Structures are given as C-alpha cells and as structure tokens.
Amino acid sequence: MPENSHTTLVLIPAYNAGKYLKELTSRIKALEYPLDILIVNDGSTDNTNEVIKDLDVFSLINDPNQGKGYTLKRGCDWAVKHGYKFVITIDADLQHLPEEIPRFLGNGNKADVIIGTRDIRLEVMPPHRWLTNNLTSLIISVFSGARVRDSQSGYRLLATKALRMVEVKSVKYDYESEILFQVGALGAAIGEVPISTVYEGSHSYINPLVDTGRFIRQIWKRLWL
C-alpha cells in the first residue's frame, strides 16, 4: 500500500483482536471511500500479529502492552506525521459498525472532533456504563464548552489540525476524555453523529475504579492547575 494515499486514516487499536480483524478490514475496504487503515497491535498475546501480516494495511506494534490511550496517541501521532487530514478511530471488536464511517466523512468539514453517539437510554445501555457515561459526559460538556452526550464513545473522527493544537499527556483510557477537554478549551468545534448501539460479543477492558480515578484527576487539573 502506498504511503498516505488518501486524506483519511482509519485507526484501529487492537488488543487480542485477531478473530475480528479480517472481517473488520474487509468491511472497511468494501466502502466506496478512499481510506487508509492503520492497526496498532497493543502487545496482543493471541494471533493478532499473524493476522495483520496477511492484511493490506499499515501496522505498528506496542511491546509490551501499553493500554488504549497510548495506542490511540501513537496512531494519531503517526497520522499527523504522515500528513493525513482526518483520523477515524474505531474499535477492533466490531462493536462499531464500519458501514457507518460515511456518517463521519459527511460531516468532516463541520467540526474538528465528531463523536459517534450511541443510544444512551438506560433501557438500552448497561446500567454501569449508563451511569459512568452520563456523569463524564456532563462534566466534559461543562469544561469543553460543547454539548457532549456520549463522551465514552471511541468511534470518532478527529481532524489532524486539532490534534496538532493539543498536547495530550494521558496514555490510558482518559486519553479520549483529555482530547475533548483540550480541544473544547481551545474553542475547536465538537460535533456528533448517531451510531448503532452494539454490546453483544464485546468485552470492555476498562477498570471502573482505576479509570474513574484517572478521570477525576483530569477534572482536578482543570480546576487547580
């Protein structure tokens, strides 16, 4: 694949996702849009690396495992370095439907960050995710100055011009929150598009206690630093 053949990079953070990657990349390539794909293998212990070798995609490897935030940061830095205009982040486990990528592309010139917003009603979302998501979304909305309804959604479009403006230090799950805090504080536009809500077969690596503590640290920094 030629380097930076298109303006949009689809970034896939992958941890033990070998069983999903062939289908995911195939469905992305089936879209009638010019997209490059970068998979960042976050120190997987399954066959992820072997699967990637058979795919026509860009790839990076973290050794050892570094966590989702570090993985996303590394991928976004790579996109900036290689001159892409947009980055679309999508989970590797098919929880995000690649067929909905055009929704982001159709709004790419309307905001610097576009969040894929799920159905966040309590009867649809698991109770612990509903509570955490609503609290963090409310707080991020206050500090970013933009309405954010699904701050925990990892399905996003990021303009690299916004990524160049921020200096995100977090390397764990609070990375995605810190981006919203920073771009909002700089006056960058944050938008949203509706996406499907899929939980079947997915596994969350979030540690509720530890990662909530990291989020509280983000708030503390903005109040007192």
Protein backbone atom coordinates (compact mmCIF):
# COMPACT_ATOMS: atom_id res chain seq x y z
CA MET A 1 0.00 0.00 0.00
CA PRO A 2 1.50 3.42 -0.93
CA GLU A 3 2.23 5.73 1.96
CA ASN A 4 -0.54 8.28 2.65
CA SER A 5 -2.51 7.53 -0.49
CA HIS A 6 -5.62 9.20 0.93
CA THR A 7 -6.64 12.05 3.24
CA THR A 8 -8.40 9.90 5.88
CA LEU A 9 -6.81 7.23 8.07
CA VAL A 10 -8.90 4.64 9.89
CA LEU A 11 -7.10 3.89 13.15
CA ILE A 12 -7.79 0.54 14.82
CA PRO A 13 -6.34 -0.05 18.32
CA ALA A 14 -6.12 -3.82 18.64
CA TYR A 15 -5.60 -5.93 21.74
CA ASN A 16 -6.21 -9.68 21.33
CA ALA A 17 -8.49 -8.90 18.40
CA GLY A 18 -7.18 -11.43 15.90
CA LYS A 19 -10.57 -13.06 15.34
CA TYR A 20 -12.16 -9.77 14.27
CA LEU A 21 -9.58 -8.00 12.15
CA LYS A 22 -10.02 -9.78 8.82
CA GLU A 23 -13.76 -9.12 8.79
CA LEU A 24 -13.38 -5.56 10.07
CA THR A 25 -10.79 -4.52 7.48
CA SER A 26 -12.72 -6.25 4.71
CA ARG A 27 -15.86 -4.31 5.57
CA ILE A 28 -13.93 -1.03 5.70
CA LYS A 29 -12.37 -1.69 2.29
CA ALA A 30 -15.80 -2.52 0.87
CA LEU A 31 -16.86 1.08 1.44
CA GLU A 32 -16.74 3.26 -1.65
CA TYR A 33 -14.49 5.82 0.01
CA PRO A 34 -10.73 6.41 -0.23
CA LEU A 35 -9.42 5.26 3.16
CA ASP A 36 -6.12 4.03 4.53
CA ILE A 37 -6.07 1.70 7.54
CA LEU A 38 -3.60 1.61 10.43
CA ILE A 39 -3.78 -1.16 13.03
CA VAL A 40 -1.81 -0.65 16.23
CA ASN A 41 -1.28 -4.01 17.92
CA ASP A 42 -1.12 -3.26 21.63
CA GLY A 43 1.03 -6.16 22.77
CA SER A 44 -1.55 -8.82 21.97
CA THR A 45 -0.97 -12.37 23.16
CA ASP A 46 -3.26 -14.04 20.60
CA ASN A 47 -2.73 -14.30 16.84
CA THR A 48 -3.33 -10.59 16.15
CA ASN A 49 0.15 -10.02 14.73
CA GLU A 50 -0.07 -13.01 12.40
CA VAL A 51 -3.47 -11.89 11.12
CA ILE A 52 -2.21 -8.35 10.44
CA LYS A 53 0.63 -9.70 8.29
CA ASP A 54 -1.95 -11.07 5.83
CA LEU A 55 -3.86 -7.78 5.57
CA ASP A 56 -3.04 -4.94 3.18
CA VAL A 57 -2.84 -2.30 5.91
CA PHE A 58 -0.32 -0.18 7.79
CA SER A 59 0.61 -1.51 11.23
CA LEU A 60 2.53 -0.71 14.40
CA ILE A 61 3.26 -2.89 17.43
CA ASN A 62 3.46 -1.95 21.09
CA ASP A 63 5.77 -4.25 23.01
CA PRO A 64 4.76 -4.73 25.75
CA ASN A 65 1.08 -3.82 26.11
CA GLN A 66 0.69 -0.08 26.81
CA GLY A 67 -3.08 0.48 27.03
CA LYS A 68 -5.67 2.04 24.76
CA GLY A 69 -4.72 5.68 25.35
CA TYR A 70 -1.08 5.14 24.43
CA THR A 71 -2.16 3.11 21.41
CA LEU A 72 -4.52 5.82 20.16
CA LYS A 73 -1.93 8.52 20.80
CA ARG A 74 0.71 6.62 18.87
CA GLY A 75 -1.66 6.11 15.96
CA CYS A 76 -2.78 9.74 15.93
CA ASP A 77 0.83 10.93 16.05
CA TRP A 78 1.57 8.65 13.10
CA ALA A 79 -1.35 10.14 11.16
CA VAL A 80 -0.15 13.68 11.83
CA LYS A 81 3.41 12.79 10.84
CA HIS A 82 2.24 11.24 7.57
CA GLY A 83 0.08 14.16 6.55
CA TYR A 84 -3.47 12.87 6.89
CA LYS A 85 -6.30 15.36 7.21
CA PHE A 86 -8.61 13.17 9.30
CA VAL A 87 -8.36 10.17 11.62
CA ILE A 88 -11.31 7.90 12.30
CA THR A 89 -10.87 5.77 15.42
CA ILE A 90 -12.85 2.54 15.51
CA ASP A 91 -12.80 -0.37 17.96
CA ALA A 92 -11.44 -3.66 16.71
CA ASP A 93 -14.18 -5.90 18.12
CA LEU A 94 -16.95 -4.97 15.64
CA GLN A 95 -18.80 -3.05 18.36
CA HIS A 96 -18.56 -0.11 15.95
CA LEU A 97 -20.12 -0.78 12.57
CA PRO A 98 -17.67 0.21 9.81
CA GLU A 99 -20.60 0.78 7.45
CA GLU A 100 -21.32 3.94 9.49
CA ILE A 101 -17.97 5.55 8.61
CA PRO A 102 -19.65 7.60 5.83
CA ARG A 103 -21.66 9.42 8.51
CA PHE A 104 -18.42 10.82 9.88
CA LEU A 105 -16.96 11.62 6.48
CA GLY A 106 -20.08 13.52 5.52
CA ASN A 107 -19.59 15.84 8.49
CA GLY A 108 -15.80 16.10 8.47
CA ASN A 109 -15.80 19.75 7.46
CA LYS A 110 -18.35 20.77 10.09
CA ALA A 111 -16.34 20.07 13.27
CA ASP A 112 -12.81 19.31 14.46
CA VAL A 113 -13.95 16.34 16.53
CA ILE A 114 -17.03 14.29 15.69
CA ILE A 115 -18.22 11.75 18.24
CA GLY A 116 -20.30 8.73 17.28
CA THR A 117 -23.18 8.94 19.74
CA ARG A 118 -24.97 5.76 20.74
CA ASP A 119 -28.47 5.30 22.14
CA ILE A 120 -27.68 6.24 25.74
CA ARG A 121 -31.03 5.41 27.30
CA LEU A 122 -30.86 3.31 30.47
CA GLU A 123 -33.05 0.59 28.96
CA VAL A 124 -30.52 0.15 26.14
CA MET A 125 -27.13 0.72 27.77
CA PRO A 126 -25.86 -1.48 30.65
CA PRO A 127 -26.53 0.37 33.97
CA HIS A 128 -22.87 0.82 35.00
CA ARG A 129 -21.97 2.19 31.56
CA TRP A 130 -25.03 4.44 31.55
CA LEU A 131 -24.13 6.00 34.90
CA THR A 132 -20.45 6.47 34.13
CA ASN A 133 -21.10 7.80 30.64
CA ASN A 134 -23.73 10.31 31.72
CA LEU A 135 -21.61 11.69 34.54
CA THR A 136 -18.46 12.02 32.47
CA SER A 137 -20.38 13.45 29.52
CA LEU A 138 -21.96 16.12 31.72
CA ILE A 139 -18.61 17.14 33.21
CA ILE A 140 -16.83 17.17 29.85
CA SER A 141 -19.65 19.28 28.40
CA VAL A 142 -19.16 21.86 31.15
CA PHE A 143 -15.39 22.07 30.79
CA SER A 144 -15.23 21.83 26.99
CA GLY A 145 -18.00 24.33 26.36
CA ALA A 146 -19.69 21.95 23.93
CA ARG A 147 -22.60 19.57 24.28
CA VAL A 148 -21.15 16.06 24.59
CA ARG A 149 -23.71 13.29 25.09
CA ASP A 150 -21.53 10.19 24.68
CA SER A 151 -18.05 11.03 25.90
CA GLN A 152 -17.12 7.38 26.29
CA SER A 153 -17.66 6.53 22.64
CA GLY A 154 -14.40 5.61 20.95
CA TYR A 155 -15.90 5.86 17.47
CA ARG A 156 -14.73 9.31 16.40
CA LEU A 157 -13.43 11.48 13.62
CA LEU A 158 -10.51 13.72 14.57
CA ALA A 159 -9.15 16.47 12.35
CA THR A 160 -5.37 16.36 12.48
CA LYS A 161 -5.30 20.18 12.61
CA ALA A 162 -6.96 19.82 16.05
CA LEU A 163 -4.50 17.09 17.07
CA ARG A 164 -1.65 19.46 16.27
CA MET A 165 -3.16 22.05 18.62
CA VAL A 166 -3.25 19.87 21.73
CA GLU A 167 -0.64 18.26 23.97
CA VAL A 168 -2.37 15.24 25.46
CA LYS A 169 -0.36 13.67 28.28
CA SER A 170 -2.71 10.84 29.24
CA VAL A 171 -1.88 7.38 27.93
CA LYS A 172 -4.70 5.31 29.47
CA TYR A 173 -8.48 5.40 28.95
CA ASP A 174 -8.59 9.06 29.99
CA TYR A 175 -6.77 9.95 26.75
CA GLU A 176 -10.09 10.22 24.92
CA SER A 177 -11.51 12.49 27.62
CA GLU A 178 -8.45 14.73 27.68
CA ILE A 179 -8.71 15.33 23.95
CA LEU A 180 -12.25 16.64 24.44
CA PHE A 181 -11.20 18.82 27.37
CA GLN A 182 -8.34 20.33 25.40
CA VAL A 183 -9.98 20.90 22.02
CA GLY A 184 -13.02 22.39 23.76
CA ALA A 185 -10.85 24.74 25.80
CA LEU A 186 -9.20 25.91 22.58
CA GLY A 187 -12.55 26.66 21.00
CA ALA A 188 -12.42 23.84 18.48
CA ALA A 189 -15.78 22.59 17.25
CA ILE A 190 -17.10 19.30 18.67
CA GLY A 191 -19.97 17.60 16.86
CA GLU A 192 -21.74 14.26 16.86
CA VAL A 193 -23.38 11.75 14.55
CA PRO A 194 -25.71 8.90 15.55
CA ILE A 195 -24.27 5.39 15.53
CA SER A 196 -25.69 1.98 16.35
CA THR A 197 -25.52 0.65 19.90
CA VAL A 198 -23.84 -2.76 19.89
CA TYR A 199 -22.74 -4.63 23.01
CA GLU A 200 -23.18 -8.29 22.08
CA GLY A 201 -19.87 -10.14 21.98
CA SER A 202 -17.81 -7.14 23.03
CA HIS A 203 -15.51 -7.06 26.03
CA SER A 204 -14.56 -3.90 27.89
CA TYR A 205 -11.03 -3.59 29.31
CA ILE A 206 -11.99 -0.54 31.35
CA ASN A 207 -11.30 -0.80 35.09
CA PRO A 208 -14.19 1.20 36.61
CA LEU A 209 -12.34 2.17 39.80
CA VAL A 210 -8.94 2.95 38.29
CA ASP A 211 -10.21 4.70 35.17
CA THR A 212 -12.75 6.76 37.11
CA GLY A 213 -9.83 7.89 39.28
CA ARG A 214 -7.96 8.99 36.16
CA PHE A 215 -10.99 10.96 35.01
CA ILE A 216 -11.24 12.69 38.39
CA ARG A 217 -7.58 13.64 38.01
CA GLN A 218 -8.43 15.27 34.69
CA ILE A 219 -11.08 17.40 36.42
CA TRP A 220 -8.70 18.28 39.26
CA LYS A 221 -6.09 19.51 36.77
CA ARG A 222 -8.60 21.83 35.17
CA LEU A 223 -9.80 23.22 38.47
CA TRP A 224 -6.49 23.82 40.19
CA LEU A 225 -3.66 23.80 37.67
